[in-house]
Amino acid sequence: MFACRPGEAEKPEIKHGDVSIAYDIAGNSDTAIVFVHGWCINKTYWQSQADYFKKRFTVVAPDLGGHGKSGHNRKSWTVNDYAGDIVSVINNLGLNKIILAGHSMGGDII
């Protein structure tokens, strides 16, 4: 699993509407790579990439709503809803310089 950034005791809670968004974060750079998984998988899909890139970038891997450890309490499950999950992560973490990487459905979301 990823670790919190140095100096952070706990990761901030992130929600998109009523849905809690679980995520992992590692690295400490002004440029972040946000890894977006595809359908029926979760943030752990990106572990190898995160381990490699966290040396040079901040890496963030969220679980989309309804996947992994994120909330399942949503009535709508569109690509736009998932995109809102990612926007919530970006905004709540205050990310400015961002590289988005998506796999399968994650590509449509980004």
PDB file of N, CA and C in Angstrom:
ATOM      1  N   MET A   1       0.830  -1.188   0.000  1.00  0.00           N
ATOM      2  CA  MET A   1       0.000   0.000   0.000  1.00  0.00           C
ATOM      3  C   MET A   1       0.871   1.246   0.000  1.00  0.00           C
ATOM      4  N   PHE A   2       0.316   2.313  -0.469  1.00  0.00           N
ATOM      5  CA  PHE A   2       0.989   3.600  -0.453  1.00  0.00           C
ATOM      6  C   PHE A   2       1.015   4.125   0.974  1.00  0.00           C
ATOM      7  N   ALA A   3       1.827   5.110   1.206  1.00  0.00           N
ATOM      8  CA  ALA A   3       1.895   5.750   2.519  1.00  0.00           C
ATOM      9  C   ALA A   3       1.442   7.192   2.396  1.00  0.00           C
ATOM     10  N   CYS A   4       1.128   7.793   3.526  1.00  0.00           N
ATOM     11  CA  CYS A   4       0.822   9.218   3.544  1.00  0.00           C
ATOM     12  C   CYS A   4       2.071  10.006   3.192  1.00  0.00           C
ATOM     13  N   ARG A   5       1.874  11.226   2.781  1.00  0.00           N
ATOM     14  CA  ARG A   5       3.004  12.098   2.512  1.00  0.00           C
ATOM     15  C   ARG A   5       3.745  12.374   3.810  1.00  0.00           C
ATOM     16  N   PRO A   6       5.048  12.627   3.731  1.00  0.00           N
ATOM     17  CA  PRO A   6       5.802  12.939   4.946  1.00  0.00           C
ATOM     18  C   PRO A   6       5.171  14.121   5.678  1.00  0.00           C
ATOM     19  N   GLY A   7       5.052  13.996   6.976  1.00  0.00           N
ATOM     20  CA  GLY A   7       4.492  15.058   7.793  1.00  0.00           C
ATOM     21  C   GLY A   7       2.982  14.993   7.927  1.00  0.00           C
ATOM     22  N   GLU A   8       2.318  14.151   7.171  1.00  0.00           N
ATOM     23  CA  GLU A   8       0.873  14.015   7.281  1.00  0.00           C
ATOM     24  C   GLU A   8       0.549  12.853   8.203  1.00  0.00           C
ATOM     25  N   ALA A   9      -0.202  13.136   9.240  1.00  0.00           N
ATOM     26  CA  ALA A   9      -0.572  12.088  10.176  1.00  0.00           C
ATOM     27  C   ALA A   9      -1.648  11.187   9.575  1.00  0.00           C
ATOM     28  N   GLU A  10      -2.525  11.775   8.771  1.00  0.00           N
ATOM     29  CA  GLU A  10      -3.637  11.023   8.228  1.00  0.00           C
ATOM     30  C   GLU A  10      -4.047  11.638   6.899  1.00  0.00           C
ATOM     31  N   LYS A  11      -4.483  10.813   5.974  1.00  0.00           N
ATOM     32  CA  LYS A  11      -4.950  11.315   4.686  1.00  0.00           C
ATOM     33  C   LYS A  11      -6.292  12.017   4.871  1.00  0.00           C
ATOM     34  N   PRO A  12      -6.504  13.105   4.124  1.00  0.00           N
ATOM     35  CA  PRO A  12      -7.815  13.758   4.207  1.00  0.00           C
ATOM     36  C   PRO A  12      -8.919  12.855   3.649  1.00  0.00           C
ATOM     37  N   GLU A  13     -10.078  12.925   4.249  1.00  0.00           N
ATOM     38  CA  GLU A  13     -11.232  12.181   3.747  1.00  0.00           C
ATOM     39  C   GLU A  13     -11.730  12.867   2.480  1.00  0.00           C
ATOM     40  N   ILE A  14     -12.082  12.069   1.486  1.00  0.00           N
ATOM     41  CA  ILE A  14     -12.587  12.617   0.230  1.00  0.00           C
ATOM     42  C   ILE A  14     -13.941  12.001  -0.056  1.00  0.00           C
ATOM     43  N   LYS A  15     -14.882  12.867  -0.450  1.00  0.00           N
ATOM     44  CA  LYS A  15     -16.215  12.412  -0.825  1.00  0.00           C
ATOM     45  C   LYS A  15     -16.600  13.073  -2.138  1.00  0.00           C
ATOM     46  N   HIS A  16     -17.356  12.338  -2.938  1.00  0.00           N
ATOM     47  CA  HIS A  16     -18.014  12.898  -4.112  1.00  0.00           C
ATOM     48  C   HIS A  16     -19.494  12.714  -3.855  1.00  0.00           C
ATOM     49  N   GLY A  17     -20.157  13.792  -3.506  1.00  0.00           N
ATOM     50  CA  GLY A  17     -21.531  13.683  -3.031  1.00  0.00           C
ATOM     51  C   GLY A  17     -21.519  12.942  -1.715  1.00  0.00           C
ATOM     52  N   ASP A  18     -22.300  11.870  -1.624  1.00  0.00           N
ATOM     53  CA  ASP A  18     -22.347  11.054  -0.413  1.00  0.00           C
ATOM     54  C   ASP A  18     -21.382   9.875  -0.448  1.00  0.00           C
ATOM     55  N   VAL A  19     -20.667   9.715  -1.558  1.00  0.00           N
ATOM     56  CA  VAL A  19     -19.810   8.548  -1.740  1.00  0.00           C
ATOM     57  C   VAL A  19     -18.391   8.847  -1.257  1.00  0.00           C
ATOM     58  N   SER A  20     -17.924   8.086  -0.276  1.00  0.00           N
ATOM     59  CA  SER A  20     -16.536   8.206   0.186  1.00  0.00           C
ATOM     60  C   SER A  20     -15.622   7.603  -0.866  1.00  0.00           C
ATOM     61  N   ILE A  21     -14.531   8.311  -1.157  1.00  0.00           N
ATOM     62  CA  ILE A  21     -13.575   7.850  -2.160  1.00  0.00           C
ATOM     63  C   ILE A  21     -12.294   7.433  -1.445  1.00  0.00           C
ATOM     64  N   ALA A  22     -11.998   6.140  -1.493  1.00  0.00           N
ATOM     65  CA  ALA A  22     -10.752   5.621  -0.928  1.00  0.00           C
ATOM     66  C   ALA A  22      -9.628   5.887  -1.926  1.00  0.00           C
ATOM     67  N   TYR A  23      -8.444   6.124  -1.408  1.00  0.00           N
ATOM     68  CA  TYR A  23      -7.311   6.376  -2.298  1.00  0.00           C
ATOM     69  C   TYR A  23      -6.011   6.113  -1.565  1.00  0.00           C
ATOM     70  N   ASP A  24      -4.970   5.906  -2.355  1.00  0.00           N
ATOM     71  CA  ASP A  24      -3.617   5.799  -1.839  1.00  0.00           C
ATOM     72  C   ASP A  24      -2.816   6.939  -2.438  1.00  0.00           C
ATOM     73  N   ILE A  25      -1.850   7.430  -1.676  1.00  0.00           N
ATOM     74  CA  ILE A  25      -1.004   8.516  -2.139  1.00  0.00           C
ATOM     75  C   ILE A  25       0.423   8.267  -1.659  1.00  0.00           C
ATOM     76  N   ALA A  26       1.379   8.579  -2.507  1.00  0.00           N
ATOM     77  CA  ALA A  26       2.793   8.414  -2.153  1.00  0.00           C
ATOM     78  C   ALA A  26       3.598   9.426  -2.939  1.00  0.00           C
ATOM     79  N   GLY A  27       4.817   9.645  -2.497  1.00  0.00           N
ATOM     80  CA  GLY A  27       5.700  10.586  -3.175  1.00  0.00           C
ATOM     81  C   GLY A  27       5.482  12.003  -2.694  1.00  0.00           C
ATOM     82  N   ASN A  28       6.362  12.874  -3.130  1.00  0.00           N
ATOM     83  CA  ASN A  28       6.284  14.258  -2.676  1.00  0.00           C
ATOM     84  C   ASN A  28       6.850  15.154  -3.767  1.00  0.00           C
ATOM     85  N   SER A  29       6.029  15.471  -4.740  1.00  0.00           N
ATOM     86  CA  SER A  29       6.447  16.304  -5.859  1.00  0.00           C
ATOM     87  C   SER A  29       5.341  17.302  -6.163  1.00  0.00           C
ATOM     88  N   ASP A  30       5.680  18.381  -6.854  1.00  0.00           N
ATOM     89  CA  ASP A  30       4.646  19.329  -7.251  1.00  0.00           C
ATOM     90  C   ASP A  30       3.864  18.826  -8.461  1.00  0.00           C
ATOM     91  N   THR A  31       4.321  17.755  -9.085  1.00  0.00           N
ATOM     92  CA  THR A  31       3.605  17.129 -10.191  1.00  0.00           C
ATOM     93  C   THR A  31       3.070  15.783  -9.721  1.00  0.00           C
ATOM     94  N   ALA A  32       1.785  15.572  -9.965  1.00  0.00           N
ATOM     95  CA  ALA A  32       1.127  14.331  -9.523  1.00  0.00           C
ATOM     96  C   ALA A  32       0.673  13.513 -10.715  1.00  0.00           C
ATOM     97  N   ILE A  33       0.800  12.214 -10.588  1.00  0.00           N
ATOM     98  CA  ILE A  33       0.185  11.281 -11.529  1.00  0.00           C
ATOM     99  C   ILE A  33      -1.020  10.681 -10.816  1.00  0.00           C
ATOM    100  N   VAL A  34      -2.185  10.832 -11.419  1.00  0.00           N
ATOM    101  CA  VAL A  34      -3.403  10.242 -10.875  1.00  0.00           C
ATOM    102  C   VAL A  34      -3.734   9.040 -11.750  1.00  0.00           C
ATOM    103  N   PHE A  35      -3.678   7.852 -11.148  1.00  0.00           N
ATOM    104  CA  PHE A  35      -3.932   6.599 -11.842  1.00  0.00           C
ATOM    105  C   PHE A  35      -5.399   6.210 -11.667  1.00  0.00           C
ATOM    106  N   VAL A  36      -6.103   6.037 -12.782  1.00  0.00           N
ATOM    107  CA  VAL A  36      -7.532   5.720 -12.750  1.00  0.00           C
ATOM    108  C   VAL A  36      -7.747   4.314 -13.316  1.00  0.00           C
ATOM    109  N   HIS A  37      -8.237   3.425 -12.477  1.00  0.00           N
ATOM    110  CA  HIS A  37      -8.435   2.023 -12.870  1.00  0.00           C
ATOM    111  C   HIS A  37      -9.663   1.851 -13.748  1.00  0.00           C
ATOM    112  N   GLY A  38      -9.801   0.664 -14.312  1.00  0.00           N
ATOM    113  CA  GLY A  38     -10.950   0.325 -15.143  1.00  0.00           C
ATOM    114  C   GLY A  38     -12.050  -0.368 -14.351  1.00  0.00           C
ATOM    115  N   TRP A  39     -13.040  -0.841 -15.086  1.00  0.00           N
ATOM    116  CA  TRP A  39     -14.219  -1.489 -14.521  1.00  0.00           C
ATOM    117  C   TRP A  39     -13.850  -2.776 -13.776  1.00  0.00           C
ATOM    118  N   CYS A  40     -14.440  -2.956 -12.618  1.00  0.00           N
ATOM    119  CA  CYS A  40     -14.331  -4.172 -11.810  1.00  0.00           C
ATOM    120  C   CYS A  40     -12.930  -4.445 -11.263  1.00  0.00           C
ATOM    121  N   ILE A  41     -12.078  -3.444 -11.213  1.00  0.00           N
ATOM    122  CA  ILE A  41     -10.797  -3.574 -10.520  1.00  0.00           C
ATOM    123  C   ILE A  41     -10.701  -2.438  -9.517  1.00  0.00           C
ATOM    124  N   ASN A  42      -9.548  -2.191  -8.954  1.00  0.00           N
ATOM    125  CA  ASN A  42      -9.437  -1.132  -7.954  1.00  0.00           C
ATOM    126  C   ASN A  42      -8.040  -0.515  -7.997  1.00  0.00           C
ATOM    127  N   LYS A  43      -7.770   0.346  -7.039  1.00  0.00           N
ATOM    128  CA  LYS A  43      -6.513   1.100  -7.009  1.00  0.00           C
ATOM    129  C   LYS A  43      -5.271   0.219  -6.960  1.00  0.00           C
ATOM    130  N   THR A  44      -5.380  -0.996  -6.463  1.00  0.00           N
ATOM    131  CA  THR A  44      -4.200  -1.856  -6.354  1.00  0.00           C
ATOM    132  C   THR A  44      -3.665  -2.279  -7.719  1.00  0.00           C
ATOM    133  N   TYR A  45      -4.468  -2.103  -8.765  1.00  0.00           N
ATOM    134  CA  TYR A  45      -4.040  -2.417 -10.123  1.00  0.00           C
ATOM    135  C   TYR A  45      -2.748  -1.669 -10.482  1.00  0.00           C
ATOM    136  N   TRP A  46      -2.570  -0.478  -9.920  1.00  0.00           N
ATOM    137  CA  TRP A  46      -1.466   0.419 -10.276  1.00  0.00           C
ATOM    138  C   TRP A  46      -0.257   0.292  -9.363  1.00  0.00           C
ATOM    139  N   GLN A  47      -0.207  -0.664  -8.479  1.00  0.00           N
ATOM    140  CA  GLN A  47       0.853  -0.732  -7.468  1.00  0.00           C
ATOM    141  C   GLN A  47       2.261  -0.696  -8.060  1.00  0.00           C
ATOM    142  N   SER A  48       2.527  -1.468  -9.080  1.00  0.00           N
ATOM    143  CA  SER A  48       3.875  -1.493  -9.665  1.00  0.00           C
ATOM    144  C   SER A  48       4.254  -0.144 -10.256  1.00  0.00           C
ATOM    145  N   GLN A  49       3.311   0.498 -10.948  1.00  0.00           N
ATOM    146  CA  GLN A  49       3.588   1.809 -11.525  1.00  0.00           C
ATOM    147  C   GLN A  49       3.812   2.847 -10.432  1.00  0.00           C
ATOM    148  N   ALA A  50       3.006   2.785  -9.381  1.00  0.00           N
ATOM    149  CA  ALA A  50       3.153   3.738  -8.276  1.00  0.00           C
ATOM    150  C   ALA A  50       4.504   3.570  -7.589  1.00  0.00           C
ATOM    151  N   ASP A  51       4.905   2.330  -7.366  1.00  0.00           N
ATOM    152  CA  ASP A  51       6.205   2.089  -6.733  1.00  0.00           C
ATOM    153  C   ASP A  51       7.339   2.695  -7.556  1.00  0.00           C
ATOM    154  N   TYR A  52       7.230   2.628  -8.863  1.00  0.00           N
ATOM    155  CA  TYR A  52       8.269   3.179  -9.734  1.00  0.00           C
ATOM    156  C   TYR A  52       8.215   4.712  -9.767  1.00  0.00           C
ATOM    157  N   PHE A  53       7.046   5.278  -9.983  1.00  0.00           N
ATOM    158  CA  PHE A  53       6.929   6.719 -10.210  1.00  0.00           C
ATOM    159  C   PHE A  53       6.950   7.561  -8.941  1.00  0.00           C
ATOM    160  N   LYS A  54       6.708   6.970  -7.766  1.00  0.00           N
ATOM    161  CA  LYS A  54       6.671   7.768  -6.535  1.00  0.00           C
ATOM    162  C   LYS A  54       8.033   8.366  -6.187  1.00  0.00           C
ATOM    163  N   LYS A  55       9.086   7.877  -6.800  1.00  0.00           N
ATOM    164  CA  LYS A  55      10.420   8.446  -6.560  1.00  0.00           C
ATOM    165  C   LYS A  55      10.567   9.817  -7.209  1.00  0.00           C
ATOM    166  N   ARG A  56       9.763  10.067  -8.235  1.00  0.00           N
ATOM    167  CA  ARG A  56       9.892  11.328  -8.979  1.00  0.00           C
ATOM    168  C   ARG A  56       8.629  12.187  -8.934  1.00  0.00           C
ATOM    169  N   PHE A  57       7.486  11.587  -8.668  1.00  0.00           N
ATOM    170  CA  PHE A  57       6.203  12.275  -8.687  1.00  0.00           C
ATOM    171  C   PHE A  57       5.420  11.963  -7.412  1.00  0.00           C
ATOM    172  N   THR A  58       4.400  12.761  -7.143  1.00  0.00           N
ATOM    173  CA  THR A  58       3.365  12.347  -6.213  1.00  0.00           C
ATOM    174  C   THR A  58       2.451  11.439  -7.016  1.00  0.00           C
ATOM    175  N   VAL A  59       2.136  10.278  -6.479  1.00  0.00           N
ATOM    176  CA  VAL A  59       1.237   9.364  -7.182  1.00  0.00           C
ATOM    177  C   VAL A  59      -0.021   9.154  -6.342  1.00  0.00           C
ATOM    178  N   VAL A  60      -1.153   9.184  -7.017  1.00  0.00           N
ATOM    179  CA  VAL A  60      -2.443   9.017  -6.362  1.00  0.00           C
ATOM    180  C   VAL A  60      -3.221   7.955  -7.130  1.00  0.00           C
ATOM    181  N   ALA A  61      -3.753   6.994  -6.393  1.00  0.00           N
ATOM    182  CA  ALA A  61      -4.566   5.936  -6.998  1.00  0.00           C
ATOM    183  C   ALA A  61      -5.864   5.816  -6.199  1.00  0.00           C
ATOM    184  N   PRO A  62      -6.960   6.362  -6.731  1.00  0.00           N
ATOM    185  CA  PRO A  62      -8.242   6.236  -6.039  1.00  0.00           C
ATOM    186  C   PRO A  62      -8.998   4.978  -6.458  1.00  0.00           C
ATOM    187  N   ASP A  63      -9.880   4.539  -5.577  1.00  0.00           N
ATOM    188  CA  ASP A  63     -10.886   3.549  -5.936  1.00  0.00           C
ATOM    189  C   ASP A  63     -12.100   4.342  -6.416  1.00  0.00           C
ATOM    190  N   LEU A  64     -12.551   4.094  -7.633  1.00  0.00           N
ATOM    191  CA  LEU A  64     -13.766   4.739  -8.109  1.00  0.00           C
ATOM    192  C   LEU A  64     -14.941   4.322  -7.233  1.00  0.00           C
ATOM    193  N   GLY A  65     -15.961   5.160  -7.178  1.00  0.00           N
ATOM    194  CA  GLY A  65     -17.158   4.801  -6.426  1.00  0.00           C
ATOM    195  C   GLY A  65     -17.651   3.421  -6.824  1.00  0.00           C
ATOM    196  N   GLY A  66     -18.040   2.612  -5.835  1.00  0.00           N
ATOM    197  CA  GLY A  66     -18.536   1.268  -6.096  1.00  0.00           C
ATOM    198  C   GLY A  66     -17.449   0.228  -6.305  1.00  0.00           C
ATOM    199  N   HIS A  67     -16.199   0.631  -6.215  1.00  0.00           N
ATOM    200  CA  HIS A  67     -15.070  -0.275  -6.419  1.00  0.00           C
ATOM    201  C   HIS A  67     -14.183  -0.261  -5.171  1.00  0.00           C
ATOM    202  N   GLY A  68     -13.502  -1.359  -4.941  1.00  0.00           N
ATOM    203  CA  GLY A  68     -12.549  -1.418  -3.831  1.00  0.00           C
ATOM    204  C   GLY A  68     -13.168  -0.974  -2.524  1.00  0.00           C
ATOM    205  N   LYS A  69     -12.494  -0.029  -1.868  1.00  0.00           N
ATOM    206  CA  LYS A  69     -12.931   0.437  -0.544  1.00  0.00           C
ATOM    207  C   LYS A  69     -13.744   1.723  -0.589  1.00  0.00           C
ATOM    208  N   SER A  70     -14.077   2.194  -1.788  1.00  0.00           N
ATOM    209  CA  SER A  70     -14.929   3.382  -1.901  1.00  0.00           C
ATOM    210  C   SER A  70     -16.384   3.012  -1.651  1.00  0.00           C
ATOM    211  N   GLY A  71     -17.180   4.041  -1.374  1.00  0.00           N
ATOM    212  CA  GLY A  71     -18.590   3.831  -1.076  1.00  0.00           C
ATOM    213  C   GLY A  71     -19.374   3.289  -2.258  1.00  0.00           C
ATOM    214  N   HIS A  72     -20.464   2.614  -1.931  1.00  0.00           N
ATOM    215  CA  HIS A  72     -21.336   2.010  -2.936  1.00  0.00           C
ATOM    216  C   HIS A  72     -22.719   2.663  -2.936  1.00  0.00           C
ATOM    217  N   ASN A  73     -22.858   3.760  -2.232  1.00  0.00           N
ATOM    218  CA  ASN A  73     -24.160   4.390  -2.024  1.00  0.00           C
ATOM    219  C   ASN A  73     -24.431   5.509  -3.037  1.00  0.00           C
ATOM    220  N   ARG A  74     -24.568   5.110  -4.284  1.00  0.00           N
ATOM    221  CA  ARG A  74     -24.851   6.055  -5.358  1.00  0.00           C
ATOM    222  C   ARG A  74     -25.948   5.441  -6.215  1.00  0.00           C
ATOM    223  N   LYS A  75     -26.799   6.290  -6.783  1.00  0.00           N
ATOM    224  CA  LYS A  75     -27.870   5.795  -7.648  1.00  0.00           C
ATOM    225  C   LYS A  75     -27.478   5.841  -9.115  1.00  0.00           C
ATOM    226  N   SER A  76     -26.506   6.673  -9.454  1.00  0.00           N
ATOM    227  CA  SER A  76     -26.080   6.825 -10.838  1.00  0.00           C
ATOM    228  C   SER A  76     -24.625   6.389 -10.966  1.00  0.00           C
ATOM    229  N   TRP A  77     -24.335   5.622 -12.018  1.00  0.00           N
ATOM    230  CA  TRP A  77     -22.995   5.054 -12.194  1.00  0.00           C
ATOM    231  C   TRP A  77     -22.465   5.321 -13.601  1.00  0.00           C
ATOM    232  N   THR A  78     -22.524   6.563 -14.032  1.00  0.00           N
ATOM    233  CA  THR A  78     -22.083   6.917 -15.372  1.00  0.00           C
ATOM    234  C   THR A  78     -20.595   7.269 -15.385  1.00  0.00           C
ATOM    235  N   VAL A  79     -20.034   7.355 -16.582  1.00  0.00           N
ATOM    236  CA  VAL A  79     -18.646   7.804 -16.719  1.00  0.00           C
ATOM    237  C   VAL A  79     -18.494   9.199 -16.113  1.00  0.00           C
ATOM    238  N   ASN A  80     -19.505  10.045 -16.272  1.00  0.00           N
ATOM    239  CA  ASN A  80     -19.449  11.383 -15.678  1.00  0.00           C
ATOM    240  C   ASN A  80     -19.429  11.322 -14.157  1.00  0.00           C
ATOM    241  N   ASP A  81     -20.160  10.386 -13.566  1.00  0.00           N
ATOM    242  CA  ASP A  81     -20.129  10.223 -12.103  1.00  0.00           C
ATOM    243  C   ASP A  81     -18.729   9.818 -11.651  1.00  0.00           C
ATOM    244  N   TYR A  82     -18.117   8.889 -12.372  1.00  0.00           N
ATOM    245  CA  TYR A  82     -16.755   8.473 -12.031  1.00  0.00           C
ATOM    246  C   TYR A  82     -15.767   9.615 -12.241  1.00  0.00           C
ATOM    247  N   ALA A  83     -15.968  10.397 -13.294  1.00  0.00           N
ATOM    248  CA  ALA A  83     -15.103  11.563 -13.511  1.00  0.00           C
ATOM    249  C   ALA A  83     -15.226  12.528 -12.333  1.00  0.00           C
ATOM    250  N   GLY A  84     -16.423  12.658 -11.785  1.00  0.00           N
ATOM    251  CA  GLY A  84     -16.611  13.489 -10.596  1.00  0.00           C
ATOM    252  C   GLY A  84     -15.829  12.970  -9.401  1.00  0.00           C
ATOM    253  N   ASP A  85     -15.702  11.644  -9.296  1.00  0.00           N
ATOM    254  CA  ASP A  85     -14.867  11.063  -8.235  1.00  0.00           C
ATOM    255  C   ASP A  85     -13.432  11.559  -8.370  1.00  0.00           C
ATOM    256  N   ILE A  86     -12.919  11.544  -9.610  1.00  0.00           N
ATOM    257  CA  ILE A  86     -11.535  11.955  -9.845  1.00  0.00           C
ATOM    258  C   ILE A  86     -11.365  13.449  -9.610  1.00  0.00           C
ATOM    259  N   VAL A  87     -12.321  14.254 -10.048  1.00  0.00           N
ATOM    260  CA  VAL A  87     -12.259  15.698  -9.803  1.00  0.00           C
ATOM    261  C   VAL A  87     -12.259  15.971  -8.300  1.00  0.00           C
ATOM    262  N   SER A  88     -13.059  15.230  -7.543  1.00  0.00           N
ATOM    263  CA  SER A  88     -13.081  15.398  -6.084  1.00  0.00           C
ATOM    264  C   SER A  88     -11.725  15.080  -5.469  1.00  0.00           C
ATOM    265  N   VAL A  89     -11.082  14.032  -5.940  1.00  0.00           N
ATOM    266  CA  VAL A  89      -9.751  13.678  -5.440  1.00  0.00           C
ATOM    267  C   VAL A  89      -8.765  14.804  -5.747  1.00  0.00           C
ATOM    268  N   ILE A  90      -8.754  15.256  -6.987  1.00  0.00           N
ATOM    269  CA  ILE A  90      -7.832  16.320  -7.399  1.00  0.00           C
ATOM    270  C   ILE A  90      -8.051  17.582  -6.574  1.00  0.00           C
ATOM    271  N   ASN A  91      -9.297  17.999  -6.440  1.00  0.00           N
ATOM    272  CA  ASN A  91      -9.602  19.226  -5.700  1.00  0.00           C
ATOM    273  C   ASN A  91      -9.300  19.097  -4.213  1.00  0.00           C
ATOM    274  N   ASN A  92      -9.690  17.989  -3.605  1.00  0.00           N
ATOM    275  CA  ASN A  92      -9.481  17.820  -2.162  1.00  0.00           C
ATOM    276  C   ASN A  92      -8.011  17.691  -1.787  1.00  0.00           C
ATOM    277  N   LEU A  93      -7.206  17.163  -2.685  1.00  0.00           N
ATOM    278  CA  LEU A  93      -5.771  17.050  -2.408  1.00  0.00           C
ATOM    279  C   LEU A  93      -4.997  18.286  -2.863  1.00  0.00           C
ATOM    280  N   GLY A  94      -5.685  19.219  -3.501  1.00  0.00           N
ATOM    281  CA  GLY A  94      -5.038  20.452  -3.943  1.00  0.00           C
ATOM    282  C   GLY A  94      -3.980  20.218  -5.015  1.00  0.00           C
ATOM    283  N   LEU A  95      -4.234  19.262  -5.895  1.00  0.00           N
ATOM    284  CA  LEU A  95      -3.265  18.951  -6.943  1.00  0.00           C
ATOM    285  C   LEU A  95      -3.368  19.990  -8.053  1.00  0.00           C
ATOM    286  N   ASN A  96      -2.221  20.474  -8.542  1.00  0.00           N
ATOM    287  CA  ASN A  96      -2.216  21.492  -9.591  1.00  0.00           C
ATOM    288  C   ASN A  96      -1.614  20.990 -10.892  1.00  0.00           C
ATOM    289  N   LYS A  97      -0.414  20.450 -10.828  1.00  0.00           N
ATOM    290  CA  LYS A  97       0.229  19.879 -12.013  1.00  0.00           C
ATOM    291  C   LYS A  97      -0.096  18.402 -12.024  1.00  0.00           C
ATOM    292  N   ILE A  98      -0.900  17.985 -13.008  1.00  0.00           N
ATOM    293  CA  ILE A  98      -1.460  16.638 -12.961  1.00  0.00           C
ATOM    294  C   ILE A  98      -1.253  15.922 -14.286  1.00  0.00           C
ATOM    295  N   ILE A  99      -0.840  14.679 -14.181  1.00  0.00           N
ATOM    296  CA  ILE A  99      -0.815  13.758 -15.310  1.00  0.00           C
ATOM    297  C   ILE A  99      -1.858  12.697 -14.993  1.00  0.00           C
ATOM    298  N   LEU A 100      -2.808  12.507 -15.901  1.00  0.00           N
ATOM    299  CA  LEU A 100      -3.846  11.493 -15.702  1.00  0.00           C
ATOM    300  C   LEU A 100      -3.487  10.261 -16.504  1.00  0.00           C
ATOM    301  N   ALA A 101      -3.555   9.097 -15.867  1.00  0.00           N
ATOM    302  CA  ALA A 101      -3.295   7.829 -16.534  1.00  0.00           C
ATOM    303  C   ALA A 101      -4.486   6.920 -16.274  1.00  0.00           C
ATOM    304  N   GLY A 102      -5.075   6.387 -17.331  1.00  0.00           N
ATOM    305  CA  GLY A 102      -6.240   5.535 -17.173  1.00  0.00           C
ATOM    306  C   GLY A 102      -6.087   4.217 -17.895  1.00  0.00           C
ATOM    307  N   HIS A 103      -6.678   3.181 -17.302  1.00  0.00           N
ATOM    308  CA  HIS A 103      -6.705   1.850 -17.912  1.00  0.00           C
ATOM    309  C   HIS A 103      -8.142   1.518 -18.271  1.00  0.00           C
ATOM    310  N   SER A 104      -8.362   1.062 -19.498  1.00  0.00           N
ATOM    311  CA  SER A 104      -9.672   0.615 -19.945  1.00  0.00           C
ATOM    312  C   SER A 104     -10.705   1.707 -19.708  1.00  0.00           C
ATOM    313  N   MET A 105     -11.763   1.460 -18.930  1.00  0.00           N
ATOM    314  CA  MET A 105     -12.774   2.465 -18.659  1.00  0.00           C
ATOM    315  C   MET A 105     -12.154   3.713 -18.032  1.00  0.00           C
ATOM    316  N   GLY A 106     -11.052   3.541 -17.301  1.00  0.00           N
ATOM    317  CA  GLY A 106     -10.369   4.684 -16.715  1.00  0.00           C
ATOM    318  C   GLY A 106      -9.923   5.686 -17.769  1.00  0.00           C
ATOM    319  N   GLY A 107      -9.610   5.199 -18.976  1.00  0.00           N
ATOM    320  CA  GLY A 107      -9.259   6.092 -20.076  1.00  0.00           C
ATOM    321  C   GLY A 107     -10.445   6.968 -20.481  1.00  0.00           C
ATOM    322  N   ASP A 108     -11.637   6.380 -20.545  1.00  0.00           N
ATOM    323  CA  ASP A 108     -12.824   7.173 -20.856  1.00  0.00           C
ATOM    324  C   ASP A 108     -13.123   8.178 -19.750  1.00  0.00           C
ATOM    325  N   ILE A 109     -12.884   7.796 -18.527  1.00  0.00           N
ATOM    326  CA  ILE A 109     -13.159   8.680 -17.387  1.00  0.00           C
ATOM    327  C   ILE A 109     -12.241   9.906 -17.425  1.00  0.00           C
ATOM    328  N   ILE A 110     -10.969   9.680 -17.711  1.00  0.00           N
ATOM    329  CA  ILE A 110     -10.056  10.828 -17.711  1.00  0.00           C
ATOM    330  C   ILE A 110     -10.250  11.671 -18.959  1.00  0.00           C
TER     331      ILE A 110
END
